[in-house]
PDB file of all heavy atoms in Angstrom:
ATOM      1  N   ARG A   1     -34.032 -24.859 -50.142  1.00  0.00           N
ATOM      2  CA  ARG A   1     -34.032 -25.068 -48.692  1.00  0.00           C
ATOM      3  C   ARG A   1     -32.792 -25.878 -48.321  1.00  0.00           C
ATOM      4  O   ARG A   1     -32.639 -27.031 -48.717  1.00  0.00           O
ATOM      5  CB  ARG A   1     -35.300 -25.801 -48.265  1.00  0.00           C
ATOM      6  CG  ARG A   1     -35.449 -25.982 -46.750  1.00  0.00           C
ATOM      7  CD  ARG A   1     -36.876 -26.425 -46.404  1.00  0.00           C
ATOM      8  NE  ARG A   1     -37.253 -27.616 -47.147  1.00  0.00           N
ATOM      9  CZ  ARG A   1     -37.045 -28.872 -46.712  1.00  0.00           C
ATOM     10  NH1 ARG A   1     -36.451 -29.069 -45.560  1.00  0.00           N
ATOM     11  NH2 ARG A   1     -37.433 -29.890 -47.447  1.00  0.00           N
ATOM     12  N   VAL A   2     -31.882 -25.268 -47.588  1.00  0.00           N
ATOM     13  CA  VAL A   2     -30.598 -25.896 -47.247  1.00  0.00           C
ATOM     14  C   VAL A   2     -30.557 -26.212 -45.749  1.00  0.00           C
ATOM     15  O   VAL A   2     -30.858 -25.351 -44.919  1.00  0.00           O
ATOM     16  CB  VAL A   2     -29.410 -24.988 -47.629  1.00  0.00           C
ATOM     17  CG1 VAL A   2     -28.099 -25.648 -47.266  1.00  0.00           C
ATOM     18  CG2 VAL A   2     -29.459 -24.663 -49.119  1.00  0.00           C
ATOM     19  N   GLU A   3     -30.208 -27.452 -45.433  1.00  0.00           N
ATOM     20  CA  GLU A   3     -30.046 -27.878 -44.043  1.00  0.00           C
ATOM     21  C   GLU A   3     -28.658 -28.497 -43.871  1.00  0.00           C
ATOM     22  O   GLU A   3     -28.067 -29.005 -44.832  1.00  0.00           O
ATOM     23  CB  GLU A   3     -31.096 -28.922 -43.662  1.00  0.00           C
ATOM     24  CG  GLU A   3     -32.534 -28.473 -43.761  1.00  0.00           C
ATOM     25  CD  GLU A   3     -33.480 -29.624 -43.451  1.00  0.00           C
ATOM     26  OE1 GLU A   3     -33.788 -29.835 -42.268  1.00  0.00           O
ATOM     27  OE2 GLU A   3     -33.877 -30.321 -44.402  1.00  0.00           O
ATOM     28  N   HIS A   4     -28.167 -28.473 -42.646  1.00  0.00           N
ATOM     29  CA  HIS A   4     -26.921 -29.155 -42.302  1.00  0.00           C
ATOM     30  C   HIS A   4     -27.234 -30.116 -41.163  1.00  0.00           C
ATOM     31  O   HIS A   4     -27.443 -29.694 -40.021  1.00  0.00           O
ATOM     32  CB  HIS A   4     -25.845 -28.143 -41.899  1.00  0.00           C
ATOM     33  CG  HIS A   4     -25.431 -27.245 -43.021  1.00  0.00           C
ATOM     34  ND1 HIS A   4     -24.397 -27.550 -43.885  1.00  0.00           N
ATOM     35  CD2 HIS A   4     -25.934 -26.057 -43.462  1.00  0.00           C
ATOM     36  CE1 HIS A   4     -24.268 -26.594 -44.783  1.00  0.00           C
ATOM     37  NE2 HIS A   4     -25.198 -25.671 -44.548  1.00  0.00           N
ATOM     38  N   VAL A   5     -27.295 -31.407 -41.489  1.00  0.00           N
ATOM     39  CA  VAL A   5     -27.741 -32.433 -40.543  1.00  0.00           C
ATOM     40  C   VAL A   5     -26.535 -33.129 -39.929  1.00  0.00           C
ATOM     41  O   VAL A   5     -25.692 -33.685 -40.645  1.00  0.00           O
ATOM     42  CB  VAL A   5     -28.656 -33.466 -41.243  1.00  0.00           C
ATOM     43  CG1 VAL A   5     -29.134 -34.508 -40.242  1.00  0.00           C
ATOM     44  CG2 VAL A   5     -29.828 -32.758 -41.907  1.00  0.00           C
ATOM     45  N   ALA A   6     -26.451 -33.105 -38.613  1.00  0.00           N
ATOM     46  CA  ALA A   6     -25.353 -33.782 -37.909  1.00  0.00           C
ATOM     47  C   ALA A   6     -25.625 -35.277 -37.826  1.00  0.00           C
ATOM     48  O   ALA A   6     -26.731 -35.699 -37.484  1.00  0.00           O
ATOM     49  CB  ALA A   6     -25.198 -33.199 -36.507  1.00  0.00           C
ATOM     50  N   THR A   7     -24.638 -36.076 -38.165  1.00  0.00           N
ATOM     51  CA  THR A   7     -24.759 -37.537 -38.069  1.00  0.00           C
ATOM     52  C   THR A   7     -23.362 -38.114 -37.873  1.00  0.00           C
ATOM     53  O   THR A   7     -22.441 -37.407 -37.461  1.00  0.00           O
ATOM     54  CB  THR A   7     -25.437 -38.123 -39.324  1.00  0.00           C
ATOM     55  OG1 THR A   7     -25.583 -39.541 -39.166  1.00  0.00           O
ATOM     56  CG2 THR A   7     -24.632 -37.833 -40.579  1.00  0.00           C
ATOM     57  N   TYR A   8     -23.181 -39.394 -38.129  1.00  0.00           N
ATOM     58  CA  TYR A   8     -21.866 -40.004 -37.975  1.00  0.00           C
ATOM     59  C   TYR A   8     -21.697 -41.132 -38.978  1.00  0.00           C
ATOM     60  O   TYR A   8     -22.671 -41.660 -39.513  1.00  0.00           O
ATOM     61  CB  TYR A   8     -21.662 -40.526 -36.546  1.00  0.00           C
ATOM     62  CG  TYR A   8     -22.613 -41.637 -36.143  1.00  0.00           C
ATOM     63  CD1 TYR A   8     -22.268 -42.972 -36.312  1.00  0.00           C
ATOM     64  CD2 TYR A   8     -23.857 -41.348 -35.586  1.00  0.00           C
ATOM     65  CE1 TYR A   8     -23.126 -43.988 -35.953  1.00  0.00           C
ATOM     66  CE2 TYR A   8     -24.725 -42.354 -35.219  1.00  0.00           C
ATOM     67  CZ  TYR A   8     -24.357 -43.673 -35.401  1.00  0.00           C
ATOM     68  OH  TYR A   8     -25.220 -44.676 -35.051  1.00  0.00           O
ATOM     69  N   CYS A   9     -20.464 -41.494 -39.240  1.00  0.00           N
ATOM     70  CA  CYS A   9     -20.146 -42.610 -40.140  1.00  0.00           C
ATOM     71  C   CYS A   9     -19.636 -43.775 -39.324  1.00  0.00           C
ATOM     72  O   CYS A   9     -18.732 -43.617 -38.494  1.00  0.00           O
ATOM     73  CB  CYS A   9     -19.082 -42.180 -41.159  1.00  0.00           C
ATOM     74  SG  CYS A   9     -18.475 -43.548 -42.181  1.00  0.00           S
ATOM     75  N   TYR A  10     -20.221 -44.961 -39.565  1.00  0.00           N
ATOM     76  CA  TYR A  10     -19.719 -46.179 -38.924  1.00  0.00           C
ATOM     77  C   TYR A  10     -19.574 -47.260 -39.999  1.00  0.00           C
ATOM     78  O   TYR A  10     -19.988 -48.395 -39.824  1.00  0.00           O
ATOM     79  CB  TYR A  10     -20.659 -46.638 -37.817  1.00  0.00           C
ATOM     80  CG  TYR A  10     -19.937 -47.181 -36.596  1.00  0.00           C
ATOM     81  CD1 TYR A  10     -20.490 -47.067 -35.338  1.00  0.00           C
ATOM     82  CD2 TYR A  10     -18.698 -47.804 -36.709  1.00  0.00           C
ATOM     83  CE1 TYR A  10     -19.836 -47.549 -34.216  1.00  0.00           C
ATOM     84  CE2 TYR A  10     -18.043 -48.294 -35.600  1.00  0.00           C
ATOM     85  CZ  TYR A  10     -18.611 -48.167 -34.349  1.00  0.00           C
ATOM     86  OH  TYR A  10     -17.949 -48.652 -33.259  1.00  0.00           O
ATOM     87  N   GLN A  11     -19.006 -46.849 -41.137  1.00  0.00           N
ATOM     88  CA  GLN A  11     -18.827 -47.794 -42.232  1.00  0.00           C
ATOM     89  C   GLN A  11     -17.767 -48.839 -41.905  1.00  0.00           C
ATOM     90  O   GLN A  11     -17.703 -49.884 -42.530  1.00  0.00           O
ATOM     91  CB  GLN A  11     -18.434 -47.045 -43.504  1.00  0.00           C
ATOM     92  CG  GLN A  11     -19.519 -46.128 -44.033  1.00  0.00           C
ATOM     93  CD  GLN A  11     -20.756 -46.881 -44.486  1.00  0.00           C
ATOM     94  OE1 GLN A  11     -20.711 -47.609 -45.464  1.00  0.00           O
ATOM     95  NE2 GLN A  11     -21.864 -46.716 -43.774  1.00  0.00           N
ATOM     96  N   CYS A  12     -16.886 -48.544 -40.946  1.00  0.00           N
ATOM     97  CA  CYS A  12     -15.874 -49.512 -40.532  1.00  0.00           C
ATOM     98  C   CYS A  12     -15.590 -49.285 -39.057  1.00  0.00           C
ATOM     99  O   CYS A  12     -16.079 -48.340 -38.442  1.00  0.00           O
ATOM    100  CB  CYS A  12     -14.595 -49.364 -41.362  1.00  0.00           C
ATOM    101  SG  CYS A  12     -13.651 -47.882 -40.996  1.00  0.00           S
ATOM    102  N   VAL A  13     -14.790 -50.168 -38.476  1.00  0.00           N
ATOM    103  CA  VAL A  13     -14.538 -50.104 -37.037  1.00  0.00           C
ATOM    104  C   VAL A  13     -13.534 -49.021 -36.668  1.00  0.00           C
ATOM    105  O   VAL A  13     -13.190 -48.873 -35.501  1.00  0.00           O
ATOM    106  CB  VAL A  13     -14.048 -51.466 -36.505  1.00  0.00           C
ATOM    107  CG1 VAL A  13     -15.147 -52.496 -36.611  1.00  0.00           C
ATOM    108  CG2 VAL A  13     -12.813 -51.933 -37.276  1.00  0.00           C
ATOM    109  N   ALA A  14     -13.043 -48.231 -37.643  1.00  0.00           N
ATOM    110  CA  ALA A  14     -12.173 -47.112 -37.320  1.00  0.00           C
ATOM    111  C   ALA A  14     -12.977 -45.911 -36.827  1.00  0.00           C
ATOM    112  O   ALA A  14     -12.415 -44.976 -36.284  1.00  0.00           O
ATOM    113  CB  ALA A  14     -11.330 -46.705 -38.526  1.00  0.00           C
ATOM    114  N   GLY A  15     -14.308 -45.951 -37.015  1.00  0.00           N
ATOM    115  CA  GLY A  15     -15.167 -44.857 -36.579  1.00  0.00           C
ATOM    116  C   GLY A  15     -15.589 -45.019 -35.131  1.00  0.00           C
ATOM    117  O   GLY A  15     -14.985 -45.781 -34.389  1.00  0.00           O
ATOM    118  N   PRO A  16     -16.657 -44.271 -34.712  1.00  0.00           N
ATOM    119  CA  PRO A  16     -17.474 -43.433 -35.578  1.00  0.00           C
ATOM    120  C   PRO A  16     -16.845 -42.069 -35.833  1.00  0.00           C
ATOM    121  O   PRO A  16     -16.300 -41.461 -34.920  1.00  0.00           O
ATOM    122  CB  PRO A  16     -18.773 -43.278 -34.780  1.00  0.00           C
ATOM    123  CG  PRO A  16     -18.343 -43.385 -33.355  1.00  0.00           C
ATOM    124  CD  PRO A  16     -17.183 -44.336 -33.338  1.00  0.00           C
ATOM    125  N   ASP A  17     -16.932 -41.614 -37.097  1.00  0.00           N
ATOM    126  CA  ASP A  17     -16.492 -40.274 -37.451  1.00  0.00           C
ATOM    127  C   ASP A  17     -17.703 -39.337 -37.428  1.00  0.00           C
ATOM    128  O   ASP A  17     -18.730 -39.619 -38.060  1.00  0.00           O
ATOM    129  CB  ASP A  17     -15.867 -40.257 -38.851  1.00  0.00           C
ATOM    130  CG  ASP A  17     -14.476 -40.860 -38.851  1.00  0.00           C
ATOM    131  OD1 ASP A  17     -13.955 -41.122 -37.759  1.00  0.00           O
ATOM    132  OD2 ASP A  17     -13.927 -41.051 -39.946  1.00  0.00           O
ATOM    133  N   LEU A  18     -17.579 -38.240 -36.693  1.00  0.00           N
ATOM    134  CA  LEU A  18     -18.646 -37.248 -36.675  1.00  0.00           C
ATOM    135  C   LEU A  18     -18.625 -36.478 -37.997  1.00  0.00           C
ATOM    136  O   LEU A  18     -17.564 -36.151 -38.512  1.00  0.00           O
ATOM    137  CB  LEU A  18     -18.450 -36.289 -35.503  1.00  0.00           C
ATOM    138  CG  LEU A  18     -18.290 -36.933 -34.128  1.00  0.00           C
ATOM    139  CD1 LEU A  18     -18.099 -35.870 -33.075  1.00  0.00           C
ATOM    140  CD2 LEU A  18     -19.475 -37.822 -33.799  1.00  0.00           C
ATOM    141  N   LEU A  19     -19.801 -36.197 -38.534  1.00  0.00           N
ATOM    142  CA  LEU A  19     -19.852 -35.459 -39.789  1.00  0.00           C
ATOM    143  C   LEU A  19     -21.167 -34.696 -39.892  1.00  0.00           C
ATOM    144  O   LEU A  19     -22.099 -34.924 -39.112  1.00  0.00           O
ATOM    145  CB  LEU A  19     -19.668 -36.385 -40.989  1.00  0.00           C
ATOM    146  CG  LEU A  19     -20.595 -37.607 -41.110  1.00  0.00           C
ATOM    147  CD1 LEU A  19     -21.821 -37.261 -41.943  1.00  0.00           C
ATOM    148  CD2 LEU A  19     -19.853 -38.771 -41.745  1.00  0.00           C
ATOM    149  N   THR A  20     -21.225 -33.803 -40.846  1.00  0.00           N
ATOM    150  CA  THR A  20     -22.432 -33.037 -41.147  1.00  0.00           C
ATOM    151  C   THR A  20     -22.772 -33.248 -42.619  1.00  0.00           C
ATOM    152  O   THR A  20     -21.885 -33.183 -43.476  1.00  0.00           O
ATOM    153  CB  THR A  20     -22.212 -31.534 -40.886  1.00  0.00           C
ATOM    154  OG1 THR A  20     -21.829 -31.353 -39.521  1.00  0.00           O
ATOM    155  CG2 THR A  20     -23.479 -30.760 -41.148  1.00  0.00           C
ATOM    156  N   VAL A  21     -24.033 -33.514 -42.897  1.00  0.00           N
ATOM    157  CA  VAL A  21     -24.485 -33.726 -44.268  1.00  0.00           C
ATOM    158  C   VAL A  21     -25.256 -32.485 -44.724  1.00  0.00           C
ATOM    159  O   VAL A  21     -26.210 -32.051 -44.069  1.00  0.00           O
ATOM    160  CB  VAL A  21     -25.374 -34.971 -44.389  1.00  0.00           C
ATOM    161  CG1 VAL A  21     -25.851 -35.156 -45.831  1.00  0.00           C
ATOM    162  CG2 VAL A  21     -24.613 -36.206 -43.925  1.00  0.00           C
ATOM    163  N   LYS A  22     -24.823 -31.924 -45.825  1.00  0.00           N
ATOM    164  CA  LYS A  22     -25.534 -30.792 -46.414  1.00  0.00           C
ATOM    165  C   LYS A  22     -26.693 -31.333 -47.241  1.00  0.00           C
ATOM    166  O   LYS A  22     -26.510 -32.148 -48.144  1.00  0.00           O
ATOM    167  CB  LYS A  22     -24.590 -29.970 -47.294  1.00  0.00           C
ATOM    168  CG  LYS A  22     -25.258 -28.734 -47.902  1.00  0.00           C
ATOM    169  CD  LYS A  22     -24.261 -27.945 -48.758  1.00  0.00           C
ATOM    170  CE  LYS A  22     -24.928 -26.727 -49.388  1.00  0.00           C
ATOM    171  NZ  LYS A  22     -23.967 -25.954 -50.230  1.00  0.00           N
ATOM    172  N   VAL A  23     -27.917 -30.890 -46.911  1.00  0.00           N
ATOM    173  CA  VAL A  23     -29.129 -31.373 -47.574  1.00  0.00           C
ATOM    174  C   VAL A  23     -29.802 -30.191 -48.272  1.00  0.00           C
ATOM    175  O   VAL A  23     -30.155 -29.195 -47.622  1.00  0.00           O
ATOM    176  CB  VAL A  23     -30.092 -32.019 -46.557  1.00  0.00           C
ATOM    177  CG1 VAL A  23     -31.335 -32.531 -47.273  1.00  0.00           C
ATOM    178  CG2 VAL A  23     -29.396 -33.141 -45.804  1.00  0.00           C
ATOM    179  N   VAL A  24     -29.965 -30.279 -49.584  1.00  0.00           N
ATOM    180  CA  VAL A  24     -30.591 -29.229 -50.388  1.00  0.00           C
ATOM    181  C   VAL A  24     -31.927 -29.746 -50.916  1.00  0.00           C
ATOM    182  O   VAL A  24     -31.957 -30.724 -51.684  1.00  0.00           O
ATOM    183  CB  VAL A  24     -29.673 -28.800 -51.556  1.00  0.00           C
ATOM    184  CG1 VAL A  24     -30.352 -27.707 -52.377  1.00  0.00           C
ATOM    185  CG2 VAL A  24     -28.333 -28.328 -51.035  1.00  0.00           C
ATOM    186  N   ASP A  25     -33.017 -29.107 -50.470  1.00  0.00           N
ATOM    187  CA  ASP A  25     -34.364 -29.525 -50.883  1.00  0.00           C
ATOM    188  C   ASP A  25     -34.574 -31.020 -50.663  1.00  0.00           C
ATOM    189  O   ASP A  25     -35.095 -31.740 -51.525  1.00  0.00           O
ATOM    190  CB  ASP A  25     -34.627 -29.161 -52.342  1.00  0.00           C
ATOM    191  CG  ASP A  25     -34.781 -27.657 -52.540  1.00  0.00           C
ATOM    192  OD1 ASP A  25     -35.144 -26.969 -51.560  1.00  0.00           O
ATOM    193  OD2 ASP A  25     -34.529 -27.179 -53.666  1.00  0.00           O
ATOM    194  N   GLY A  26     -34.119 -31.514 -49.515  1.00  0.00           N
ATOM    195  CA  GLY A  26     -34.328 -32.911 -49.156  1.00  0.00           C
ATOM    196  C   GLY A  26     -33.349 -33.888 -49.762  1.00  0.00           C
ATOM    197  O   GLY A  26     -33.470 -35.096 -49.557  1.00  0.00           O
ATOM    198  N   VAL A  27     -32.373 -33.407 -50.508  1.00  0.00           N
ATOM    199  CA  VAL A  27     -31.393 -34.282 -51.158  1.00  0.00           C
ATOM    200  C   VAL A  27     -30.010 -34.033 -50.560  1.00  0.00           C
ATOM    201  O   VAL A  27     -29.543 -32.884 -50.524  1.00  0.00           O
ATOM    202  CB  VAL A  27     -31.356 -34.039 -52.686  1.00  0.00           C
ATOM    203  CG1 VAL A  27     -30.291 -34.922 -53.324  1.00  0.00           C
ATOM    204  CG2 VAL A  27     -32.718 -34.311 -53.293  1.00  0.00           C
ATOM    205  N   ALA A  28     -29.375 -35.083 -50.079  1.00  0.00           N
ATOM    206  CA  ALA A  28     -28.016 -34.956 -49.553  1.00  0.00           C
ATOM    207  C   ALA A  28     -27.062 -34.662 -50.707  1.00  0.00           C
ATOM    208  O   ALA A  28     -27.046 -35.391 -51.708  1.00  0.00           O
ATOM    209  CB  ALA A  28     -27.600 -36.233 -48.841  1.00  0.00           C
ATOM    210  N   THR A  29     -26.274 -33.611 -50.564  1.00  0.00           N
ATOM    211  CA  THR A  29     -25.392 -33.202 -51.661  1.00  0.00           C
ATOM    212  C   THR A  29     -23.913 -33.322 -51.327  1.00  0.00           C
ATOM    213  O   THR A  29     -23.092 -33.523 -52.217  1.00  0.00           O
ATOM    214  CB  THR A  29     -25.682 -31.754 -52.084  1.00  0.00           C
ATOM    215  OG1 THR A  29     -25.471 -30.887 -50.949  1.00  0.00           O
ATOM    216  CG2 THR A  29     -27.112 -31.608 -52.580  1.00  0.00           C
ATOM    217  N   GLU A  30     -23.538 -33.190 -50.054  1.00  0.00           N
ATOM    218  CA  GLU A  30     -22.123 -33.298 -49.714  1.00  0.00           C
ATOM    219  C   GLU A  30     -21.944 -33.583 -48.223  1.00  0.00           C
ATOM    220  O   GLU A  30     -22.859 -33.359 -47.416  1.00  0.00           O
ATOM    221  CB  GLU A  30     -21.363 -32.033 -50.107  1.00  0.00           C
ATOM    222  CG  GLU A  30     -21.869 -30.754 -49.470  1.00  0.00           C
ATOM    223  CD  GLU A  30     -21.140 -29.523 -49.993  1.00  0.00           C
ATOM    224  OE1 GLU A  30     -20.039 -29.256 -49.473  1.00  0.00           O
ATOM    225  OE2 GLU A  30     -21.667 -28.871 -50.929  1.00  0.00           O
ATOM    226  N   VAL A  31     -20.766 -34.066 -47.905  1.00  0.00           N
ATOM    227  CA  VAL A  31     -20.394 -34.389 -46.526  1.00  0.00           C
ATOM    228  C   VAL A  31     -19.364 -33.378 -46.044  1.00  0.00           C
ATOM    229  O   VAL A  31     -18.427 -33.045 -46.776  1.00  0.00           O
ATOM    230  CB  VAL A  31     -19.829 -35.825 -46.428  1.00  0.00           C
ATOM    231  CG1 VAL A  31     -19.212 -36.080 -45.066  1.00  0.00           C
ATOM    232  CG2 VAL A  31     -20.927 -36.838 -46.720  1.00  0.00           C
ATOM    233  N   GLU A  32     -19.564 -32.880 -44.837  1.00  0.00           N
ATOM    234  CA  GLU A  32     -18.661 -31.896 -44.262  1.00  0.00           C
ATOM    235  C   GLU A  32     -18.202 -32.366 -42.885  1.00  0.00           C
ATOM    236  O   GLU A  32     -18.894 -33.158 -42.239  1.00  0.00           O
ATOM    237  CB  GLU A  32     -19.375 -30.543 -44.119  1.00  0.00           C
ATOM    238  CG  GLU A  32     -19.960 -29.998 -45.413  1.00  0.00           C
ATOM    239  CD  GLU A  32     -20.888 -28.817 -45.156  1.00  0.00           C
ATOM    240  OE1 GLU A  32     -21.344 -28.671 -43.996  1.00  0.00           O
ATOM    241  OE2 GLU A  32     -21.148 -28.058 -46.102  1.00  0.00           O
ATOM    242  N   PRO A  33     -17.059 -31.882 -42.406  1.00  0.00           N
ATOM    243  CA  PRO A  33     -16.629 -32.209 -41.044  1.00  0.00           C
ATOM    244  C   PRO A  33     -17.588 -31.614 -40.011  1.00  0.00           C
ATOM    245  O   PRO A  33     -18.376 -30.724 -40.312  1.00  0.00           O
ATOM    246  CB  PRO A  33     -15.242 -31.573 -40.932  1.00  0.00           C
ATOM    247  CG  PRO A  33     -14.809 -31.333 -42.334  1.00  0.00           C
ATOM    248  CD  PRO A  33     -16.058 -31.089 -43.134  1.00  0.00           C
ATOM    249  N   ASN A  34     -17.514 -32.135 -38.797  1.00  0.00           N
ATOM    250  CA  ASN A  34     -18.303 -31.611 -37.683  1.00  0.00           C
ATOM    251  C   ASN A  34     -17.349 -31.352 -36.522  1.00  0.00           C
ATOM    252  O   ASN A  34     -16.872 -32.285 -35.876  1.00  0.00           O
ATOM    253  CB  ASN A  34     -19.390 -32.607 -37.279  1.00  0.00           C
ATOM    254  CG  ASN A  34     -20.302 -32.065 -36.199  1.00  0.00           C
ATOM    255  OD1 ASN A  34     -19.985 -31.086 -35.533  1.00  0.00           O
ATOM    256  ND2 ASN A  34     -21.449 -32.703 -36.018  1.00  0.00           N
ATOM    257  N   PHE A  35     -17.074 -30.101 -36.268  1.00  0.00           N
ATOM    258  CA  PHE A  35     -16.087 -29.740 -35.255  1.00  0.00           C
ATOM    259  C   PHE A  35     -16.710 -29.442 -33.891  1.00  0.00           C
ATOM    260  O   PHE A  35     -16.030 -28.948 -33.001  1.00  0.00           O
ATOM    261  CB  PHE A  35     -15.289 -28.517 -35.727  1.00  0.00           C
ATOM    262  CG  PHE A  35     -14.477 -28.774 -36.965  1.00  0.00           C
ATOM    263  CD1 PHE A  35     -14.807 -28.176 -38.175  1.00  0.00           C
ATOM    264  CD2 PHE A  35     -13.390 -29.634 -36.925  1.00  0.00           C
ATOM    265  CE1 PHE A  35     -14.054 -28.423 -39.316  1.00  0.00           C
ATOM    266  CE2 PHE A  35     -12.641 -29.885 -38.059  1.00  0.00           C
ATOM    267  CZ  PHE A  35     -12.965 -29.282 -39.259  1.00  0.00           C
ATOM    268  N   CYS A  36     -18.007 -29.750 -33.726  1.00  0.00           N
ATOM    269  CA  CYS A  36     -18.678 -29.434 -32.462  1.00  0.00           C
ATOM    270  C   CYS A  36     -18.036 -30.151 -31.276  1.00  0.00           C
ATOM    271  O   CYS A  36     -18.012 -29.623 -30.165  1.00  0.00           O
ATOM    272  CB  CYS A  36     -20.159 -29.794 -32.543  1.00  0.00           C
ATOM    273  SG  CYS A  36     -21.088 -28.793 -33.731  1.00  0.00           S
ATOM    274  N   ALA A  37     -17.547 -31.372 -31.501  1.00  0.00           N
ATOM    275  CA  ALA A  37     -16.947 -32.148 -30.416  1.00  0.00           C
ATOM    276  C   ALA A  37     -15.454 -32.373 -30.659  1.00  0.00           C
ATOM    277  O   ALA A  37     -14.883 -33.364 -30.216  1.00  0.00           O
ATOM    278  CB  ALA A  37     -17.662 -33.487 -30.269  1.00  0.00           C
ATOM    279  N   SER A  38     -14.836 -31.444 -31.367  1.00  0.00           N
ATOM    280  CA  SER A  38     -13.433 -31.638 -31.750  1.00  0.00           C
ATOM    281  C   SER A  38     -12.496 -31.755 -30.545  1.00  0.00           C
ATOM    282  O   SER A  38     -11.447 -32.381 -30.632  1.00  0.00           O
ATOM    283  CB  SER A  38     -12.972 -30.488 -32.658  1.00  0.00           C
ATOM    284  OG  SER A  38     -13.100 -29.247 -31.985  1.00  0.00           O
ATOM    285  N   GLU A  39     -12.896 -31.162 -29.424  1.00  0.00           N
ATOM    286  CA  GLU A  39     -12.022 -31.182 -28.256  1.00  0.00           C
ATOM    287  C   GLU A  39     -11.929 -32.579 -27.635  1.00  0.00           C
ATOM    288  O   GLU A  39     -10.943 -32.908 -26.983  1.00  0.00           O
ATOM    289  CB  GLU A  39     -12.514 -30.180 -27.210  1.00  0.00           C
ATOM    290  CG  GLU A  39     -12.463 -28.730 -27.661  1.00  0.00           C
ATOM    291  CD  GLU A  39     -11.038 -28.278 -27.952  1.00  0.00           C
ATOM    292  OE1 GLU A  39     -10.133 -28.675 -27.194  1.00  0.00           O
ATOM    293  OE2 GLU A  39     -10.836 -27.549 -28.948  1.00  0.00           O
ATOM    294  N   ILE A  40     -12.953 -33.397 -27.812  1.00  0.00           N
ATOM    295  CA  ILE A  40     -12.963 -34.721 -27.173  1.00  0.00           C
ATOM    296  C   ILE A  40     -12.944 -35.868 -28.182  1.00  0.00           C
ATOM    297  O   ILE A  40     -12.719 -37.015 -27.811  1.00  0.00           O
ATOM    298  CB  ILE A  40     -14.191 -34.880 -26.254  1.00  0.00           C
ATOM    299  CG1 ILE A  40     -15.492 -34.721 -27.057  1.00  0.00           C
ATOM    300  CG2 ILE A  40     -14.131 -33.880 -25.101  1.00  0.00           C
ATOM    301  CD1 ILE A  40     -16.741 -35.034 -26.248  1.00  0.00           C
ATOM    302  N   HIS A  41     -13.186 -35.578 -29.470  1.00  0.00           N
ATOM    303  CA  HIS A  41     -13.214 -36.645 -30.476  1.00  0.00           C
ATOM    304  C   HIS A  41     -11.787 -37.006 -30.884  1.00  0.00           C
ATOM    305  O   HIS A  41     -10.964 -36.108 -31.122  1.00  0.00           O
ATOM    306  CB  HIS A  41     -14.004 -36.175 -31.703  1.00  0.00           C
ATOM    307  CG  HIS A  41     -14.183 -37.240 -32.735  1.00  0.00           C
ATOM    308  ND1 HIS A  41     -13.474 -37.263 -33.911  1.00  0.00           N
ATOM    309  CD2 HIS A  41     -14.973 -38.326 -32.760  1.00  0.00           C
ATOM    310  CE1 HIS A  41     -13.833 -38.316 -34.623  1.00  0.00           C
ATOM    311  NE2 HIS A  41     -14.741 -38.974 -33.947  1.00  0.00           N
ATOM    312  N   PRO A  42     -11.455 -38.330 -30.951  1.00  0.00           N
ATOM    313  CA  PRO A  42     -10.082 -38.726 -31.307  1.00  0.00           C
ATOM    314  C   PRO A  42      -9.621 -38.183 -32.650  1.00  0.00           C
ATOM    315  O   PRO A  42      -8.428 -37.946 -32.858  1.00  0.00           O
ATOM    316  CB  PRO A  42     -10.154 -40.263 -31.332  1.00  0.00           C
ATOM    317  CG  PRO A  42     -11.319 -40.606 -30.469  1.00  0.00           C
ATOM    318  CD  PRO A  42     -12.300 -39.489 -30.629  1.00  0.00           C
ATOM    319  N   GLY A  43     -10.565 -37.969 -33.576  1.00  0.00           N
ATOM    320  CA  GLY A  43     -10.219 -37.448 -34.888  1.00  0.00           C
ATOM    321  C   GLY A  43     -10.360 -35.948 -34.999  1.00  0.00           C
ATOM    322  O   GLY A  43     -10.257 -35.402 -36.103  1.00  0.00           O
TER     323      GLY A  43
END
């Protein structure tokens, strides 16, 4: 069961960076970019 969960990173004050987490059978396996708001996001 594969999901792509939209979230953000605020590990430092350079964020927040929008990202998508790939979740396989309830386990996060990798981080991917999130281009849904690319037109307005500074990054």
